[in-house]
Amino acid sequence: MALALSHAKFLQKDHAYHRARYNCSLSNADSRLSWAKNSVLVTVVDDFFDFASSEEEQVNLIQLFEKWDVDVNTVCCSEAVKIIFSALRSTICEIGEKSSKRQGRNVKDNIIKTWSDSLQSMFAEAEWSRTKTIPTIDDYMQTASVSFGFEPIILSTIYLLGPKLSDDVAENKELNYLLKTVNICGRLLNDIQSFKRESEQGKLNAVVLHMIHGNGIVTVEDAIDKIKGVIEENIRELRRLVLQEKGSVVPRDCKDLYWKTMKATYLFYDKNDGYSLNEMFSTVNAVMKDPIILNELLVDSKQSLCVMP
């Protein structure tokens, strides 16, 4: 959690820099930055509700979102709450300001609502753990798919992609359906890879619930096979929605973001929980730190061309 809070502090300080460069022309770099920042924040907040906060701190954070315009130096019950809320608020305000040029209006309130919904869902999960409540699988998915956090990540990014989205389109059932399919896939992919660790922490997930509600008949393998089937169904449905043209009101660029998010999530949870997989760290380090050797790229490119039919 200490590392997560350091990320939140960085986002809080980084806000001043990006405000200074805000007058520069907007580009898709803004949408990529929004996706990355909100992904980090979702991770921080998820850990906060999972194991790094008290019930008082969780309620405090939710109340701060409801009040919004507050003095963090006087109303936060802990330093962790202060850091997280400040990072969230500065990031949301920054995206809201940038959206004014893309959308012709400030969509800050829309983004606040998506974050508020996610916080409420995370709190509901924390309450299940505190009270040892066993929800039905349907109740779990309704809550846990929202707490996975894709809504604030994707919606914040969509507003900066370029196409204008009216409130009617942003609240259209097509966009909601796209979000629902991605949420289900993301949550279930996560649950398959993290159920052992989360079970040890006393946290529920889809694998455990299928076994509990299976009356002792459903094994781990049975539960995972069933969940994989649900994932595949939703991936096919997401592909259909993205490729659909007739009757679609959502711009293709926006729909593509859902598909790309799905692909990134599939990679992240392909073999293990991406947060703890050494291979994932190696991939990130290769992208961020390792130098690009142009000659090797040219050789690889020529070899690829030679084997093409």
Protein backbone atom coordinates (compact mmCIF):
# COMPACT_ATOMS: atom_id res chain seq x y z
CA MET A 1 0.00 0.00 0.00
CA ALA A 2 2.94 2.32 0.65
CA LEU A 3 4.01 1.96 -2.97
CA ALA A 4 0.45 2.54 -4.12
CA LEU A 5 0.20 5.73 -2.07
CA SER A 6 3.46 6.93 -3.57
CA HIS A 7 1.83 6.58 -7.00
CA ALA A 8 -1.12 8.62 -5.76
CA LYS A 9 1.23 11.31 -4.42
CA PHE A 10 2.98 11.41 -7.78
CA LEU A 11 -0.33 11.92 -9.59
CA GLN A 12 -1.22 14.70 -7.17
CA LYS A 13 2.07 16.56 -7.79
CA ASP A 14 2.10 15.72 -11.49
CA HIS A 15 -1.20 17.56 -11.89
CA ALA A 16 0.51 20.96 -11.67
CA TYR A 17 2.86 20.07 -14.53
CA HIS A 18 0.06 18.95 -16.80
CA ARG A 19 -1.98 22.05 -16.03
CA ALA A 20 1.00 24.09 -17.23
CA ARG A 21 1.08 22.26 -20.57
CA TYR A 22 -2.69 22.19 -20.94
CA ASN A 23 -2.68 25.16 -23.33
CA CYS A 24 -0.81 23.05 -25.88
CA SER A 25 -2.92 21.40 -28.56
CA LEU A 26 -4.66 18.25 -27.39
CA SER A 27 -3.80 14.91 -28.94
CA ASN A 28 -4.42 11.24 -28.28
CA ALA A 29 -1.58 11.46 -25.80
CA ASP A 30 -4.16 12.93 -23.44
CA SER A 31 -6.41 9.90 -23.76
CA ARG A 32 -3.49 7.53 -23.23
CA LEU A 33 -2.41 9.48 -20.17
CA SER A 34 -5.95 9.39 -18.81
CA TRP A 35 -6.14 5.62 -19.27
CA ALA A 36 -2.82 5.11 -17.48
CA LYS A 37 -3.54 7.48 -14.60
CA ASN A 38 -6.98 6.10 -13.90
CA SER A 39 -5.65 2.54 -14.08
CA VAL A 40 -3.09 3.36 -11.39
CA LEU A 41 -5.74 5.06 -9.28
CA VAL A 42 -8.13 2.12 -9.58
CA THR A 43 -5.35 -0.17 -8.35
CA VAL A 44 -4.60 2.12 -5.41
CA VAL A 45 -8.24 2.48 -4.40
CA ASP A 46 -8.93 -1.25 -4.81
CA ASP A 47 -6.07 -2.09 -2.43
CA PHE A 48 -7.32 0.60 -0.07
CA PHE A 49 -10.74 -1.06 0.22
CA ASP A 50 -9.38 -4.62 0.14
CA PHE A 51 -6.94 -4.56 3.03
CA ALA A 52 -5.35 -1.16 3.67
CA SER A 53 -8.10 0.82 5.38
CA SER A 54 -10.61 0.80 8.19
CA GLU A 55 -14.36 1.07 7.74
CA GLU A 56 -14.14 4.65 8.99
CA GLU A 57 -11.62 5.54 6.29
CA GLN A 58 -13.72 3.90 3.58
CA VAL A 59 -16.84 5.79 4.61
CA ASN A 60 -14.83 9.00 4.83
CA LEU A 61 -13.54 8.64 1.26
CA ILE A 62 -17.05 8.01 -0.08
CA GLN A 63 -18.41 11.03 1.81
CA LEU A 64 -15.65 13.23 0.41
CA PHE A 65 -16.76 12.28 -3.08
CA GLU A 66 -20.34 13.20 -2.23
CA LYS A 67 -19.29 16.61 -0.88
CA TRP A 68 -16.41 17.12 -3.37
CA ASP A 69 -15.55 20.78 -2.64
CA VAL A 70 -13.89 20.24 0.72
CA ASP A 71 -10.74 21.26 2.55
CA VAL A 72 -8.73 18.04 2.67
CA ASN A 73 -6.66 19.38 5.56
CA THR A 74 -9.67 19.41 7.88
CA VAL A 75 -12.13 16.71 6.74
CA CYS A 76 -9.91 13.70 6.03
CA CYS A 77 -9.72 11.18 8.86
CA SER A 78 -6.28 9.89 7.83
CA GLU A 79 -3.29 10.73 5.66
CA ALA A 80 -4.11 7.83 3.33
CA VAL A 81 -7.61 9.20 2.69
CA LYS A 82 -6.19 12.66 2.10
CA ILE A 83 -3.63 11.42 -0.44
CA ILE A 84 -6.06 9.23 -2.35
CA PHE A 85 -8.89 11.76 -2.50
CA SER A 86 -6.51 14.56 -3.52
CA ALA A 87 -5.06 12.44 -6.33
CA LEU A 88 -8.53 11.44 -7.53
CA ARG A 89 -9.88 14.96 -7.41
CA SER A 90 -6.92 16.55 -9.21
CA THR A 91 -6.97 13.89 -11.93
CA ILE A 92 -10.74 14.15 -12.46
CA CYS A 93 -10.59 17.96 -12.59
CA GLU A 94 -7.73 17.80 -15.09
CA ILE A 95 -9.66 15.44 -17.36
CA GLY A 96 -12.75 17.61 -16.99
CA GLU A 97 -10.83 20.69 -18.13
CA LYS A 98 -9.31 18.88 -21.09
CA SER A 99 -12.68 17.48 -22.09
CA SER A 100 -14.01 21.01 -22.57
CA LYS A 101 -12.01 21.34 -25.79
CA ARG A 102 -12.86 17.87 -27.03
CA GLN A 103 -16.50 17.72 -26.02
CA GLY A 104 -17.49 21.38 -25.86
CA ARG A 105 -18.44 20.94 -22.22
CA ASN A 106 -16.86 19.92 -18.93
CA VAL A 107 -17.69 16.28 -18.17
CA LYS A 108 -16.26 16.33 -14.66
CA ASP A 109 -19.61 15.46 -13.06
CA ASN A 110 -19.97 12.40 -15.31
CA ILE A 111 -16.56 11.13 -14.25
CA ILE A 112 -17.25 11.83 -10.58
CA LYS A 113 -20.35 9.64 -10.84
CA THR A 114 -18.43 6.73 -12.37
CA TRP A 115 -15.87 6.90 -9.58
CA SER A 116 -18.59 7.20 -6.96
CA ASP A 117 -20.29 4.06 -8.32
CA SER A 118 -16.98 2.19 -8.20
CA LEU A 119 -16.29 3.28 -4.62
CA GLN A 120 -19.74 2.19 -3.50
CA SER A 121 -19.23 -1.23 -5.08
CA MET A 122 -15.81 -1.62 -3.47
CA PHE A 123 -17.35 -0.70 -0.12
CA ALA A 124 -20.09 -3.31 -0.60
CA GLU A 125 -17.44 -5.98 -1.18
CA ALA A 126 -15.57 -4.85 1.92
CA GLU A 127 -18.81 -5.13 3.90
CA TRP A 128 -19.28 -8.71 2.70
CA SER A 129 -15.84 -9.55 4.07
CA ARG A 130 -16.47 -7.79 7.38
CA THR A 131 -19.85 -9.44 7.95
CA LYS A 132 -18.91 -12.82 6.42
CA THR A 133 -21.82 -12.46 3.99
CA ILE A 134 -22.08 -14.96 1.13
CA PRO A 135 -23.85 -13.25 -1.80
CA THR A 136 -25.44 -15.07 -4.70
CA ILE A 137 -23.35 -15.29 -7.85
CA ASP A 138 -25.65 -12.79 -9.58
CA ASP A 139 -25.39 -10.30 -6.71
CA TYR A 140 -21.63 -10.75 -6.65
CA MET A 141 -21.24 -10.12 -10.38
CA GLN A 142 -23.52 -7.09 -10.30
CA THR A 143 -21.30 -5.51 -7.66
CA ALA A 144 -17.86 -6.93 -8.44
CA SER A 145 -17.98 -6.14 -12.15
CA VAL A 146 -18.44 -2.46 -11.25
CA SER A 147 -15.78 -2.51 -8.53
CA PHE A 148 -13.27 -3.79 -11.09
CA GLY A 149 -12.99 -0.15 -12.12
CA PHE A 150 -13.23 -0.16 -15.90
CA GLU A 151 -15.98 2.47 -15.96
CA PRO A 152 -13.89 5.43 -14.71
CA ILE A 153 -10.89 4.23 -16.73
CA ILE A 154 -12.70 3.89 -20.05
CA LEU A 155 -15.21 6.73 -19.79
CA SER A 156 -12.54 9.24 -18.78
CA THR A 157 -10.48 8.17 -21.80
CA ILE A 158 -13.37 8.20 -24.26
CA TYR A 159 -14.07 11.85 -23.55
CA LEU A 160 -10.52 12.69 -24.68
CA LEU A 161 -10.36 10.49 -27.77
CA GLY A 162 -11.83 13.04 -30.14
CA PRO A 163 -15.40 12.10 -31.13
CA LYS A 164 -18.01 14.22 -29.39
CA LEU A 165 -20.31 12.27 -27.11
CA SER A 166 -23.56 13.84 -26.02
CA ASP A 167 -25.00 12.82 -22.67
CA ASP A 168 -27.60 10.83 -24.63
CA VAL A 169 -24.86 8.76 -26.28
CA ALA A 170 -22.80 8.47 -23.09
CA GLU A 171 -25.85 7.07 -21.30
CA ASN A 172 -27.05 5.02 -24.27
CA LYS A 173 -27.73 1.33 -23.66
CA GLU A 174 -25.20 0.41 -26.38
CA LEU A 175 -22.36 2.07 -24.47
CA ASN A 176 -23.59 0.53 -21.24
CA TYR A 177 -23.66 -2.89 -22.88
CA LEU A 178 -20.11 -2.47 -24.14
CA LEU A 179 -19.04 -1.58 -20.62
CA LYS A 180 -20.95 -4.51 -19.12
CA THR A 181 -19.23 -7.08 -21.36
CA VAL A 182 -15.76 -5.68 -20.66
CA ASN A 183 -16.50 -5.49 -16.93
CA ILE A 184 -17.59 -9.12 -16.80
CA CYS A 185 -14.52 -10.31 -18.70
CA GLY A 186 -12.13 -8.26 -16.60
CA ARG A 187 -13.63 -9.32 -13.29
CA LEU A 188 -13.72 -13.02 -14.18
CA LEU A 189 -10.21 -13.07 -15.66
CA ASN A 190 -8.99 -11.50 -12.44
CA ASP A 191 -10.94 -13.94 -10.27
CA ILE A 192 -9.54 -17.01 -12.02
CA GLN A 193 -5.95 -15.95 -11.43
CA SER A 194 -6.30 -14.46 -7.96
CA PHE A 195 -8.79 -16.74 -6.19
CA LYS A 196 -6.14 -18.62 -4.16
CA ARG A 197 -4.59 -15.44 -2.78
CA GLU A 198 -7.97 -13.81 -2.19
CA SER A 199 -9.32 -16.91 -0.46
CA GLU A 200 -6.42 -16.75 1.98
CA GLN A 201 -7.30 -13.10 2.61
CA GLY A 202 -10.93 -14.03 3.29
CA LYS A 203 -12.16 -12.27 0.17
CA LEU A 204 -14.88 -13.73 -2.04
CA ASN A 205 -14.63 -14.14 -5.78
CA ALA A 206 -16.46 -15.94 -8.58
CA VAL A 207 -14.46 -19.17 -8.34
CA VAL A 208 -15.10 -19.57 -4.62
CA LEU A 209 -18.78 -18.66 -4.95
CA HIS A 210 -19.36 -21.25 -7.68
CA MET A 211 -17.90 -23.86 -5.35
CA ILE A 212 -19.91 -22.67 -2.33
CA HIS A 213 -23.19 -22.58 -4.24
CA GLY A 214 -22.34 -25.90 -5.90
CA ASN A 215 -23.26 -27.78 -2.70
CA GLY A 216 -19.90 -29.52 -2.50
CA ILE A 217 -20.17 -30.98 -6.00
CA VAL A 218 -18.41 -28.23 -7.98
CA THR A 219 -14.62 -28.48 -7.93
CA VAL A 220 -12.12 -25.69 -8.59
CA GLU A 221 -11.61 -27.03 -12.10
CA ASP A 222 -15.37 -27.15 -12.72
CA ALA A 223 -15.79 -23.57 -11.52
CA ILE A 224 -12.92 -22.28 -13.65
CA ASP A 225 -14.18 -24.10 -16.75
CA LYS A 226 -17.63 -22.58 -16.31
CA ILE A 227 -16.20 -19.10 -15.77
CA LYS A 228 -13.97 -19.43 -18.85
CA GLY A 229 -17.08 -20.23 -20.85
CA VAL A 230 -18.73 -17.03 -19.64
CA ILE A 231 -15.60 -15.05 -20.54
CA GLU A 232 -15.54 -16.46 -24.06
CA GLU A 233 -19.23 -15.68 -24.55
CA ASN A 234 -18.68 -12.08 -23.52
CA ILE A 235 -15.58 -11.70 -25.69
CA ARG A 236 -17.60 -12.85 -28.71
CA GLU A 237 -20.39 -10.47 -27.78
CA LEU A 238 -17.94 -7.61 -27.36
CA ARG A 239 -16.46 -8.33 -30.80
CA ARG A 240 -19.95 -8.27 -32.30
CA LEU A 241 -20.74 -4.94 -30.65
CA VAL A 242 -17.48 -3.36 -31.79
CA LEU A 243 -17.94 -4.46 -35.41
CA GLN A 244 -21.64 -3.60 -35.53
CA GLU A 245 -22.37 -0.68 -37.84
CA LYS A 246 -26.11 -0.74 -38.51
CA GLY A 247 -28.01 0.96 -35.71
CA SER A 248 -24.87 1.81 -33.76
CA VAL A 249 -24.68 5.30 -32.21
CA VAL A 250 -21.25 4.91 -30.59
CA PRO A 251 -18.29 6.09 -32.72
CA ARG A 252 -15.96 3.29 -33.82
CA ASP A 253 -12.94 4.92 -32.12
CA CYS A 254 -14.79 4.69 -28.82
CA LYS A 255 -15.81 1.09 -29.37
CA ASP A 256 -12.24 0.17 -30.29
CA LEU A 257 -11.12 1.40 -26.88
CA TYR A 258 -13.29 -1.24 -25.21
CA TRP A 259 -11.76 -3.93 -27.41
CA LYS A 260 -8.19 -2.75 -26.78
CA THR A 261 -8.87 -2.64 -23.06
CA MET A 262 -10.15 -6.20 -23.25
CA LYS A 263 -7.01 -7.35 -25.09
CA ALA A 264 -4.74 -5.66 -22.56
CA THR A 265 -6.64 -7.28 -19.70
CA TYR A 266 -6.45 -10.70 -21.33
CA LEU A 267 -2.67 -10.31 -21.65
CA PHE A 268 -2.41 -9.15 -18.05
CA TYR A 269 -4.23 -12.19 -16.67
CA ASP A 270 -3.28 -14.72 -19.35
CA LYS A 271 -0.97 -16.85 -17.20
CA ASN A 272 -1.21 -15.40 -13.73
CA ASP A 273 -2.12 -12.31 -11.78
CA GLY A 274 -0.22 -9.70 -13.79
CA TYR A 275 0.64 -7.74 -10.67
CA SER A 276 2.82 -10.55 -9.35
CA LEU A 277 4.11 -12.16 -12.54
CA ASN A 278 7.83 -11.67 -13.16
CA GLU A 279 7.31 -12.03 -16.91
CA MET A 280 5.03 -8.99 -16.89
CA PHE A 281 7.63 -6.94 -15.02
CA SER A 282 10.22 -8.00 -17.59
CA THR A 283 7.95 -6.91 -20.42
CA VAL A 284 7.33 -3.51 -18.83
CA ASN A 285 11.03 -3.00 -18.16
CA ALA A 286 11.83 -3.94 -21.76
CA VAL A 287 9.44 -1.27 -23.00
CA MET A 288 10.42 1.44 -20.52
CA LYS A 289 14.13 0.89 -19.91
CA ASP A 290 15.83 -1.30 -22.51
CA PRO A 291 17.39 0.61 -25.42
CA ILE A 292 16.00 0.08 -28.91
CA ILE A 293 18.62 -1.39 -31.23
CA LEU A 294 17.68 -0.26 -34.71
CA ASN A 295 19.79 -2.83 -36.58
CA GLU A 296 18.08 -5.71 -34.77
CA LEU A 297 14.67 -4.28 -35.62
CA LEU A 298 15.61 -4.03 -39.30
CA VAL A 299 16.84 -7.64 -39.34
CA ASP A 300 13.66 -8.88 -37.65
CA SER A 301 11.56 -6.88 -40.09
CA LYS A 302 13.33 -8.35 -43.13
CA GLN A 303 13.00 -11.87 -41.76
CA SER A 304 9.28 -11.35 -41.21
CA LEU A 305 8.85 -10.15 -44.78
CA CYS A 306 10.71 -13.18 -46.12
CA VAL A 307 8.35 -15.66 -44.48
CA MET A 308 5.18 -13.89 -45.60
CA PRO A 309 3.32 -15.63 -48.47
